[in-house]
N, C-alpha and C. Protein backbone atom coordinates (compact mmCIF):
# COMPACT_ATOMS: atom_id res chain seq x y z
N MET A 1 -16.05 5.48 -37.64
CA MET A 1 -16.76 4.66 -36.67
C MET A 1 -15.76 4.12 -35.64
N HIS A 2 -16.24 3.93 -34.42
CA HIS A 2 -15.38 3.41 -33.36
C HIS A 2 -15.78 2.00 -32.98
N LYS A 3 -14.79 1.26 -32.61
CA LYS A 3 -15.01 -0.08 -32.08
C LYS A 3 -14.67 -0.02 -30.60
N LEU A 4 -15.58 -0.49 -29.74
CA LEU A 4 -15.34 -0.52 -28.30
C LEU A 4 -14.99 -1.93 -27.88
N VAL A 5 -13.88 -2.06 -27.17
CA VAL A 5 -13.44 -3.36 -26.67
C VAL A 5 -13.45 -3.28 -25.15
N LYS A 6 -14.26 -4.14 -24.52
CA LYS A 6 -14.39 -4.10 -23.06
C LYS A 6 -13.05 -4.39 -22.41
N LEU A 7 -12.67 -3.49 -21.50
CA LEU A 7 -11.39 -3.60 -20.83
C LEU A 7 -11.57 -3.97 -19.36
N ILE A 8 -12.51 -3.29 -18.67
CA ILE A 8 -12.75 -3.55 -17.25
C ILE A 8 -14.25 -3.57 -17.01
N GLU A 9 -14.75 -4.69 -16.52
CA GLU A 9 -16.19 -4.84 -16.27
C GLU A 9 -16.63 -4.05 -15.04
N ALA A 10 -17.88 -3.64 -15.05
CA ALA A 10 -18.46 -2.85 -13.97
C ALA A 10 -18.29 -3.54 -12.61
N LYS A 11 -18.41 -4.86 -12.56
CA LYS A 11 -18.25 -5.58 -11.28
C LYS A 11 -16.85 -5.43 -10.73
N ARG A 12 -15.85 -5.49 -11.62
CA ARG A 12 -14.45 -5.29 -11.18
C ARG A 12 -14.22 -3.87 -10.71
N ILE A 13 -14.82 -2.91 -11.40
CA ILE A 13 -14.70 -1.51 -11.00
C ILE A 13 -15.29 -1.32 -9.61
N ALA A 14 -16.50 -1.83 -9.41
CA ALA A 14 -17.18 -1.68 -8.11
C ALA A 14 -16.36 -2.31 -6.99
N ALA A 15 -15.80 -3.50 -7.24
CA ALA A 15 -15.00 -4.17 -6.21
C ALA A 15 -13.75 -3.36 -5.89
N ARG A 16 -13.10 -2.81 -6.89
CA ARG A 16 -11.88 -2.04 -6.65
C ARG A 16 -12.20 -0.71 -5.96
N VAL A 17 -13.31 -0.08 -6.31
CA VAL A 17 -13.71 1.16 -5.65
C VAL A 17 -13.99 0.89 -4.18
N GLU A 18 -14.60 -0.24 -3.88
CA GLU A 18 -14.84 -0.65 -2.49
C GLU A 18 -13.51 -0.76 -1.73
N GLU A 19 -12.52 -1.42 -2.36
CA GLU A 19 -11.20 -1.57 -1.73
C GLU A 19 -10.53 -0.22 -1.51
N LEU A 20 -10.60 0.65 -2.51
CA LEU A 20 -10.00 1.99 -2.39
C LEU A 20 -10.67 2.77 -1.26
N GLY A 21 -11.98 2.65 -1.13
CA GLY A 21 -12.70 3.32 -0.05
C GLY A 21 -12.22 2.85 1.31
N ARG A 22 -11.99 1.55 1.44
CA ARG A 22 -11.45 1.00 2.70
C ARG A 22 -10.05 1.51 2.97
N GLU A 23 -9.19 1.53 1.94
CA GLU A 23 -7.81 2.01 2.11
C GLU A 23 -7.79 3.46 2.57
N ILE A 24 -8.58 4.30 1.93
CA ILE A 24 -8.63 5.72 2.28
C ILE A 24 -9.19 5.89 3.69
N SER A 25 -10.24 5.15 4.01
CA SER A 25 -10.84 5.21 5.35
C SER A 25 -9.83 4.80 6.41
N ASP A 26 -9.07 3.75 6.15
CA ASP A 26 -8.05 3.30 7.10
C ASP A 26 -6.96 4.35 7.28
N ASP A 27 -6.53 4.96 6.17
CA ASP A 27 -5.47 5.96 6.24
C ASP A 27 -5.89 7.23 6.98
N PHE A 28 -7.17 7.53 6.96
CA PHE A 28 -7.67 8.77 7.57
C PHE A 28 -8.63 8.50 8.73
N ARG A 29 -8.46 7.37 9.38
CA ARG A 29 -9.33 7.00 10.50
C ARG A 29 -9.38 8.14 11.53
N GLY A 30 -10.60 8.50 11.91
CA GLY A 30 -10.79 9.55 12.91
C GLY A 30 -10.64 10.97 12.37
N GLU A 31 -10.44 11.12 11.08
CA GLU A 31 -10.25 12.44 10.45
C GLU A 31 -11.41 12.75 9.51
N GLN A 32 -11.50 13.99 9.12
CA GLN A 32 -12.39 14.40 8.04
C GLN A 32 -11.51 14.70 6.84
N ILE A 33 -11.98 14.34 5.65
CA ILE A 33 -11.19 14.59 4.45
C ILE A 33 -12.00 15.38 3.43
N ALA A 34 -11.27 16.03 2.54
CA ALA A 34 -11.88 16.71 1.40
C ALA A 34 -11.46 15.96 0.14
N LEU A 35 -12.46 15.54 -0.61
CA LEU A 35 -12.20 14.91 -1.90
C LEU A 35 -12.35 16.00 -2.95
N VAL A 36 -11.28 16.30 -3.65
CA VAL A 36 -11.31 17.31 -4.71
C VAL A 36 -11.21 16.57 -6.03
N THR A 37 -12.25 16.68 -6.82
CA THR A 37 -12.40 15.85 -8.01
C THR A 37 -12.26 16.67 -9.28
N ALA A 38 -11.52 16.11 -10.22
CA ALA A 38 -11.37 16.73 -11.53
C ALA A 38 -12.61 16.43 -12.38
N LEU A 39 -13.26 17.50 -12.82
CA LEU A 39 -14.44 17.36 -13.68
C LEU A 39 -14.01 17.13 -15.12
N LYS A 40 -14.81 16.53 -15.91
CA LYS A 40 -16.08 15.90 -15.68
C LYS A 40 -15.89 14.41 -15.42
N GLY A 41 -14.79 13.88 -15.90
CA GLY A 41 -14.57 12.45 -15.86
C GLY A 41 -14.57 11.82 -14.49
N GLY A 42 -14.17 12.56 -13.47
CA GLY A 42 -14.07 12.01 -12.13
C GLY A 42 -15.38 11.91 -11.37
N VAL A 43 -16.46 12.46 -11.92
CA VAL A 43 -17.73 12.51 -11.20
C VAL A 43 -18.27 11.11 -10.86
N PHE A 44 -18.26 10.21 -11.82
CA PHE A 44 -18.79 8.86 -11.59
C PHE A 44 -17.97 8.17 -10.50
N PHE A 45 -16.65 8.27 -10.62
CA PHE A 45 -15.74 7.63 -9.69
C PHE A 45 -15.90 8.20 -8.28
N VAL A 46 -15.89 9.52 -8.13
CA VAL A 46 -15.98 10.11 -6.79
C VAL A 46 -17.33 9.83 -6.15
N ALA A 47 -18.40 9.78 -6.93
CA ALA A 47 -19.72 9.49 -6.37
C ALA A 47 -19.72 8.10 -5.74
N ASP A 48 -19.17 7.13 -6.44
CA ASP A 48 -19.11 5.77 -5.91
C ASP A 48 -18.11 5.67 -4.76
N LEU A 49 -16.95 6.30 -4.92
CA LEU A 49 -15.89 6.22 -3.91
C LEU A 49 -16.33 6.88 -2.60
N ALA A 50 -16.93 8.05 -2.67
CA ALA A 50 -17.34 8.76 -1.45
C ALA A 50 -18.29 7.92 -0.61
N ARG A 51 -19.15 7.15 -1.26
CA ARG A 51 -20.09 6.30 -0.53
C ARG A 51 -19.41 5.09 0.09
N ARG A 52 -18.17 4.82 -0.28
CA ARG A 52 -17.41 3.69 0.27
C ARG A 52 -16.41 4.12 1.33
N ILE A 53 -16.33 5.42 1.57
CA ILE A 53 -15.40 5.95 2.58
C ILE A 53 -16.18 6.15 3.87
N SER A 54 -15.64 5.62 4.97
CA SER A 54 -16.37 5.64 6.24
C SER A 54 -16.08 6.85 7.12
N VAL A 55 -15.12 7.69 6.75
CA VAL A 55 -14.84 8.90 7.51
C VAL A 55 -15.63 10.05 6.89
N PRO A 56 -15.86 11.15 7.64
CA PRO A 56 -16.59 12.29 7.07
C PRO A 56 -15.87 12.86 5.85
N VAL A 57 -16.66 13.20 4.83
CA VAL A 57 -16.12 13.64 3.56
C VAL A 57 -16.75 14.97 3.14
N GLU A 58 -15.92 15.89 2.68
CA GLU A 58 -16.38 17.09 1.99
C GLU A 58 -16.03 16.89 0.51
N LEU A 59 -16.86 17.41 -0.37
CA LEU A 59 -16.60 17.30 -1.80
C LEU A 59 -16.36 18.67 -2.41
N ASP A 60 -15.41 18.72 -3.32
CA ASP A 60 -15.18 19.91 -4.11
C ASP A 60 -14.79 19.46 -5.52
N PHE A 61 -14.91 20.38 -6.45
CA PHE A 61 -14.63 20.06 -7.84
C PHE A 61 -13.71 21.11 -8.45
N VAL A 62 -12.81 20.65 -9.30
CA VAL A 62 -11.96 21.52 -10.09
C VAL A 62 -12.13 21.10 -11.55
N SER A 63 -11.81 22.00 -12.42
CA SER A 63 -11.88 21.66 -13.84
C SER A 63 -10.67 22.25 -14.55
N ALA A 64 -9.93 21.37 -15.18
CA ALA A 64 -8.77 21.76 -15.98
C ALA A 64 -8.74 20.83 -17.19
N HIS A 65 -8.44 21.36 -18.34
CA HIS A 65 -8.48 20.56 -19.56
C HIS A 65 -7.19 20.68 -20.34
N SER A 66 -6.78 19.54 -20.91
CA SER A 66 -5.64 19.54 -21.82
C SER A 66 -5.95 18.75 -23.09
N TYR A 67 -7.09 18.04 -23.11
CA TYR A 67 -7.41 17.19 -24.25
C TYR A 67 -8.24 17.92 -25.29
N GLU A 68 -7.93 17.63 -26.54
CA GLU A 68 -8.73 18.06 -27.67
C GLU A 68 -9.00 16.80 -28.47
N GLY A 69 -10.23 16.30 -28.39
CA GLY A 69 -10.54 15.01 -29.02
C GLY A 69 -9.87 13.89 -28.25
N ASP A 70 -9.00 13.15 -28.91
CA ASP A 70 -8.31 12.04 -28.25
C ASP A 70 -6.83 12.31 -28.03
N ARG A 71 -6.42 13.57 -28.15
CA ARG A 71 -5.01 13.94 -27.98
C ARG A 71 -4.86 15.05 -26.94
N SER A 72 -3.79 14.94 -26.16
CA SER A 72 -3.48 16.01 -25.22
C SER A 72 -2.82 17.15 -25.98
N SER A 73 -3.31 18.35 -25.73
CA SER A 73 -2.73 19.54 -26.38
C SER A 73 -1.41 19.93 -25.74
N GLY A 74 -1.17 19.43 -24.52
CA GLY A 74 0.03 19.81 -23.79
C GLY A 74 -0.13 21.11 -23.02
N LYS A 75 -1.22 21.82 -23.27
CA LYS A 75 -1.51 23.07 -22.57
C LYS A 75 -2.70 22.84 -21.65
N ILE A 76 -2.56 23.26 -20.40
CA ILE A 76 -3.62 23.03 -19.41
C ILE A 76 -4.33 24.34 -19.15
N ARG A 77 -5.64 24.28 -19.23
CA ARG A 77 -6.49 25.45 -18.96
C ARG A 77 -7.29 25.18 -17.70
N LEU A 78 -7.16 26.04 -16.71
CA LEU A 78 -7.97 25.95 -15.50
C LEU A 78 -9.30 26.62 -15.78
N GLU A 79 -10.38 25.87 -15.59
CA GLU A 79 -11.71 26.42 -15.82
C GLU A 79 -12.48 26.62 -14.53
N LYS A 80 -12.16 25.83 -13.50
CA LYS A 80 -12.82 25.99 -12.21
C LYS A 80 -11.84 25.64 -11.11
N PRO A 81 -11.45 26.62 -10.28
CA PRO A 81 -10.56 26.33 -9.15
C PRO A 81 -11.35 25.73 -7.99
N PRO A 82 -10.68 25.22 -6.95
CA PRO A 82 -11.40 24.71 -5.78
C PRO A 82 -12.21 25.84 -5.13
N SER A 83 -13.37 25.48 -4.59
CA SER A 83 -14.18 26.49 -3.89
C SER A 83 -14.12 26.32 -2.38
N LEU A 84 -13.74 25.14 -1.90
CA LEU A 84 -13.59 24.92 -0.45
C LEU A 84 -12.32 25.60 0.05
N ASN A 85 -12.33 25.99 1.31
CA ASN A 85 -11.10 26.43 1.96
C ASN A 85 -10.33 25.16 2.32
N LEU A 86 -9.22 24.91 1.67
CA LEU A 86 -8.46 23.66 1.86
C LEU A 86 -7.32 23.81 2.86
N LYS A 87 -7.10 25.00 3.37
CA LYS A 87 -5.98 25.24 4.28
C LYS A 87 -6.11 24.36 5.52
N GLY A 88 -5.04 23.60 5.79
CA GLY A 88 -4.99 22.74 6.97
C GLY A 88 -5.81 21.47 6.87
N LYS A 89 -6.42 21.19 5.73
CA LYS A 89 -7.28 20.01 5.59
C LYS A 89 -6.51 18.83 5.01
N LYS A 90 -7.08 17.67 5.23
CA LYS A 90 -6.59 16.44 4.61
C LYS A 90 -7.32 16.33 3.27
N VAL A 91 -6.57 16.39 2.18
CA VAL A 91 -7.16 16.45 0.85
C VAL A 91 -6.72 15.25 0.03
N VAL A 92 -7.69 14.66 -0.67
CA VAL A 92 -7.40 13.62 -1.64
C VAL A 92 -7.89 14.13 -2.99
N LEU A 93 -6.95 14.31 -3.91
CA LEU A 93 -7.28 14.70 -5.28
C LEU A 93 -7.73 13.45 -6.01
N ILE A 94 -8.92 13.50 -6.59
CA ILE A 94 -9.50 12.35 -7.28
C ILE A 94 -9.43 12.59 -8.78
N GLU A 95 -8.80 11.66 -9.48
CA GLU A 95 -8.69 11.72 -10.94
C GLU A 95 -9.34 10.49 -11.55
N ASP A 96 -9.89 10.63 -12.74
CA ASP A 96 -10.41 9.48 -13.46
C ASP A 96 -9.27 8.68 -14.08
N ILE A 97 -8.32 9.41 -14.68
CA ILE A 97 -7.19 8.75 -15.33
C ILE A 97 -5.97 9.67 -15.28
N ILE A 98 -4.81 9.08 -15.08
CA ILE A 98 -3.56 9.83 -15.16
C ILE A 98 -2.77 9.24 -16.31
N ASP A 99 -2.54 10.09 -17.28
CA ASP A 99 -1.90 9.70 -18.53
C ASP A 99 -0.49 10.30 -18.54
N THR A 100 -0.30 11.45 -19.14
CA THR A 100 1.02 12.09 -19.16
C THR A 100 1.41 12.58 -17.77
N GLY A 101 0.40 12.88 -16.95
CA GLY A 101 0.64 13.40 -15.61
C GLY A 101 0.63 14.91 -15.54
N ARG A 102 0.58 15.57 -16.68
CA ARG A 102 0.63 17.04 -16.69
C ARG A 102 -0.55 17.67 -15.94
N THR A 103 -1.76 17.20 -16.23
CA THR A 103 -2.93 17.79 -15.59
C THR A 103 -2.91 17.51 -14.10
N CYS A 104 -2.58 16.30 -13.71
CA CYS A 104 -2.52 15.96 -12.29
C CYS A 104 -1.47 16.81 -11.58
N ALA A 105 -0.31 16.96 -12.17
CA ALA A 105 0.75 17.78 -11.57
C ALA A 105 0.28 19.24 -11.44
N PHE A 106 -0.40 19.72 -12.45
CA PHE A 106 -0.94 21.09 -12.42
C PHE A 106 -1.94 21.23 -11.27
N LEU A 107 -2.85 20.25 -11.13
CA LEU A 107 -3.86 20.30 -10.06
C LEU A 107 -3.23 20.14 -8.68
N ARG A 108 -2.24 19.28 -8.57
CA ARG A 108 -1.54 19.12 -7.28
C ARG A 108 -0.90 20.44 -6.85
N GLU A 109 -0.24 21.08 -7.79
CA GLU A 109 0.41 22.36 -7.50
C GLU A 109 -0.64 23.42 -7.12
N LEU A 110 -1.74 23.44 -7.84
CA LEU A 110 -2.83 24.38 -7.55
C LEU A 110 -3.37 24.17 -6.13
N ILE A 111 -3.63 22.92 -5.77
CA ILE A 111 -4.17 22.60 -4.45
C ILE A 111 -3.13 22.87 -3.37
N ALA A 112 -1.88 22.55 -3.65
CA ALA A 112 -0.80 22.78 -2.67
C ALA A 112 -0.71 24.26 -2.29
N LYS A 113 -1.03 25.15 -3.22
CA LYS A 113 -1.01 26.59 -2.93
C LYS A 113 -2.06 26.97 -1.88
N HIS A 114 -3.05 26.10 -1.69
CA HIS A 114 -4.10 26.33 -0.69
C HIS A 114 -3.69 25.82 0.69
N GLU A 115 -2.47 25.31 0.80
CA GLU A 115 -1.86 24.87 2.04
C GLU A 115 -2.64 23.80 2.82
N PRO A 116 -2.97 22.68 2.14
CA PRO A 116 -3.59 21.59 2.90
C PRO A 116 -2.57 20.97 3.84
N ASP A 117 -3.07 20.31 4.89
CA ASP A 117 -2.20 19.60 5.83
C ASP A 117 -1.59 18.38 5.14
N ILE A 118 -2.42 17.67 4.39
CA ILE A 118 -2.01 16.47 3.65
C ILE A 118 -2.64 16.55 2.27
N LEU A 119 -1.90 16.14 1.25
CA LEU A 119 -2.45 16.06 -0.11
C LEU A 119 -2.04 14.73 -0.71
N LYS A 120 -3.03 13.90 -0.99
CA LYS A 120 -2.78 12.61 -1.63
C LYS A 120 -3.53 12.57 -2.94
N VAL A 121 -3.14 11.63 -3.80
CA VAL A 121 -3.77 11.49 -5.11
C VAL A 121 -4.34 10.09 -5.25
N CYS A 122 -5.59 10.04 -5.73
CA CYS A 122 -6.27 8.77 -6.02
C CYS A 122 -6.74 8.82 -7.47
N THR A 123 -6.38 7.83 -8.24
CA THR A 123 -6.83 7.75 -9.62
C THR A 123 -7.47 6.40 -9.88
N LEU A 124 -8.53 6.41 -10.66
CA LEU A 124 -9.15 5.15 -11.05
C LEU A 124 -8.22 4.40 -12.00
N LEU A 125 -7.68 5.11 -12.99
CA LEU A 125 -6.83 4.48 -13.99
C LEU A 125 -5.48 5.17 -14.05
N ASP A 126 -4.44 4.39 -14.13
CA ASP A 126 -3.08 4.90 -14.28
C ASP A 126 -2.50 4.32 -15.56
N LYS A 127 -1.97 5.21 -16.39
CA LYS A 127 -1.37 4.80 -17.66
C LYS A 127 0.10 5.23 -17.65
N PRO A 128 0.96 4.52 -16.88
CA PRO A 128 2.34 4.96 -16.68
C PRO A 128 3.20 4.99 -17.94
N SER A 129 2.84 4.24 -18.96
CA SER A 129 3.65 4.21 -20.18
C SER A 129 3.65 5.55 -20.91
N ARG A 130 2.69 6.41 -20.59
CA ARG A 130 2.59 7.73 -21.24
C ARG A 130 3.10 8.87 -20.35
N ARG A 131 3.57 8.54 -19.16
CA ARG A 131 3.92 9.55 -18.17
C ARG A 131 5.07 10.43 -18.62
N LEU A 132 4.87 11.73 -18.55
CA LEU A 132 5.90 12.72 -18.85
C LEU A 132 6.34 13.45 -17.59
N VAL A 133 5.49 13.39 -16.55
CA VAL A 133 5.77 14.05 -15.28
C VAL A 133 5.87 12.97 -14.20
N THR A 134 7.01 12.92 -13.53
CA THR A 134 7.20 11.92 -12.48
C THR A 134 6.39 12.32 -11.26
N MET A 135 5.64 11.37 -10.73
CA MET A 135 4.85 11.65 -9.53
C MET A 135 4.51 10.36 -8.81
N ALA A 136 4.34 10.48 -7.51
CA ALA A 136 3.89 9.35 -6.70
C ALA A 136 2.37 9.39 -6.63
N LEU A 137 1.76 8.24 -6.79
CA LEU A 137 0.31 8.12 -6.67
C LEU A 137 0.02 7.32 -5.41
N ASP A 138 -0.92 7.79 -4.61
CA ASP A 138 -1.21 7.15 -3.34
C ASP A 138 -2.21 6.01 -3.45
N TYR A 139 -3.17 6.16 -4.35
CA TYR A 139 -4.22 5.15 -4.53
C TYR A 139 -4.48 4.99 -6.02
N VAL A 140 -4.34 3.75 -6.51
CA VAL A 140 -4.55 3.47 -7.93
C VAL A 140 -5.56 2.34 -8.06
N GLY A 141 -6.59 2.60 -8.85
CA GLY A 141 -7.60 1.57 -9.11
C GLY A 141 -7.04 0.48 -10.01
N PHE A 142 -6.66 0.86 -11.22
CA PHE A 142 -6.15 -0.09 -12.21
C PHE A 142 -5.03 0.57 -12.99
N THR A 143 -4.02 -0.21 -13.33
CA THR A 143 -2.97 0.23 -14.24
C THR A 143 -3.29 -0.35 -15.60
N ILE A 144 -3.29 0.51 -16.62
CA ILE A 144 -3.65 0.05 -17.96
C ILE A 144 -2.54 0.38 -18.95
N ASP A 145 -2.60 -0.30 -20.11
CA ASP A 145 -1.66 -0.04 -21.20
C ASP A 145 -2.05 1.26 -21.90
N ASP A 146 -1.25 1.64 -22.86
CA ASP A 146 -1.49 2.86 -23.63
C ASP A 146 -2.62 2.64 -24.62
N GLN A 147 -3.84 2.83 -24.12
CA GLN A 147 -5.04 2.73 -24.94
C GLN A 147 -5.93 3.91 -24.60
N PHE A 148 -6.71 4.38 -25.57
CA PHE A 148 -7.68 5.43 -25.28
C PHE A 148 -8.92 4.74 -24.74
N VAL A 149 -9.37 5.14 -23.54
CA VAL A 149 -10.46 4.45 -22.88
C VAL A 149 -11.65 5.37 -22.64
N VAL A 150 -12.83 4.74 -22.60
CA VAL A 150 -14.08 5.45 -22.36
C VAL A 150 -14.95 4.63 -21.42
N GLY A 151 -15.98 5.28 -20.89
CA GLY A 151 -16.92 4.63 -19.99
C GLY A 151 -16.63 5.00 -18.56
N TYR A 152 -17.63 4.83 -17.70
CA TYR A 152 -17.52 5.13 -16.27
C TYR A 152 -16.95 6.54 -16.06
N GLY A 153 -17.49 7.49 -16.82
CA GLY A 153 -17.09 8.88 -16.71
C GLY A 153 -16.11 9.36 -17.75
N LEU A 154 -15.32 8.45 -18.30
CA LEU A 154 -14.33 8.81 -19.32
C LEU A 154 -15.02 8.96 -20.67
N ASP A 155 -14.58 9.94 -21.45
CA ASP A 155 -15.29 10.22 -22.69
C ASP A 155 -14.37 10.30 -23.89
N TYR A 156 -15.01 10.28 -25.04
CA TYR A 156 -14.39 10.65 -26.31
C TYR A 156 -15.30 11.71 -26.91
N MET A 157 -14.86 12.96 -26.87
CA MET A 157 -15.64 14.08 -27.38
C MET A 157 -17.05 14.10 -26.79
N GLU A 158 -17.09 13.92 -25.45
CA GLU A 158 -18.32 13.96 -24.65
C GLU A 158 -19.24 12.75 -24.85
N LYS A 159 -18.77 11.73 -25.53
CA LYS A 159 -19.57 10.52 -25.73
C LYS A 159 -19.03 9.40 -24.85
N TYR A 160 -19.88 8.47 -24.50
CA TYR A 160 -19.55 7.21 -23.82
C TYR A 160 -19.36 7.32 -22.31
N ARG A 161 -19.48 8.51 -21.70
CA ARG A 161 -19.30 8.64 -20.25
C ARG A 161 -20.23 7.72 -19.47
N ASN A 162 -21.43 7.53 -19.98
CA ASN A 162 -22.48 6.83 -19.26
C ASN A 162 -22.36 5.30 -19.27
N LEU A 163 -21.38 4.75 -19.93
CA LEU A 163 -21.22 3.30 -19.96
C LEU A 163 -20.75 2.79 -18.60
N ASP A 164 -21.31 1.68 -18.15
CA ASP A 164 -20.95 1.11 -16.84
C ASP A 164 -19.55 0.50 -16.83
N ASP A 165 -19.16 -0.10 -17.93
CA ASP A 165 -17.85 -0.73 -18.05
C ASP A 165 -16.87 0.27 -18.65
N ILE A 166 -15.58 -0.06 -18.59
CA ILE A 166 -14.55 0.74 -19.25
C ILE A 166 -14.11 -0.01 -20.50
N TYR A 167 -14.05 0.72 -21.60
CA TYR A 167 -13.72 0.15 -22.90
C TYR A 167 -12.51 0.84 -23.49
N ALA A 168 -11.72 0.08 -24.23
CA ALA A 168 -10.70 0.67 -25.09
C ALA A 168 -11.42 1.06 -26.37
N ILE A 169 -11.11 2.22 -26.89
CA ILE A 169 -11.75 2.67 -28.11
C ILE A 169 -10.75 2.57 -29.24
N GLU A 170 -11.19 1.95 -30.32
CA GLU A 170 -10.32 1.77 -31.48
C GLU A 170 -11.05 2.28 -32.71
N GLN A 171 -10.30 2.82 -33.66
CA GLN A 171 -10.88 3.20 -34.93
C GLN A 171 -11.15 1.92 -35.70
N GLU A 172 -12.27 1.88 -36.40
CA GLU A 172 -12.54 0.71 -37.25
C GLU A 172 -11.37 0.55 -38.22
N GLY A 173 -10.90 -0.66 -38.38
CA GLY A 173 -9.80 -0.92 -39.29
C GLY A 173 -8.45 -0.96 -38.58
N ASP A 174 -8.39 -0.51 -37.29
CA ASP A 174 -7.13 -0.62 -36.54
C ASP A 174 -6.78 -2.09 -36.37
N ALA A 175 -5.51 -2.39 -36.39
CA ALA A 175 -5.07 -3.77 -36.15
C ALA A 175 -5.37 -4.15 -34.70
N ALA A 176 -5.86 -5.33 -34.51
CA ALA A 176 -6.22 -5.79 -33.16
C ALA A 176 -5.01 -6.32 -32.45
């Protein structure tokens, strides 16, 4: 059984997504951008974020996986590459969470091969204590400790994505 401990309330998420939308809009004023989102976890975030960005937006989706249950396998499998022509475009890679950084680095390299004019990274959650790949992040929603989190698109074995808030997930009996 799992115990869910509320980490970030939906109101805080909404307020931060609003701020991120303004930051991205300001950085790309007068431009069109392509938001390339990592499936499935990034869907909730990009849907809310895109509506908060005031410049024209194109959406695309990629899918790459490294997690098996609650652990990263360390091996990244590309399941869906970008479908938009990204050459010469201003691209923002949207992630739900950056943990070790391996998947994000893999996706950045994949997108860079498409020769965008600009490539920036936006993540809802950053977990720097687990980082194995050094990288600069352009837009960060929240920095969190080393906890397994669910809700607002994030899952545990396909469960809990639909929760409005973000929760730390603990096994029953774990020390608090």
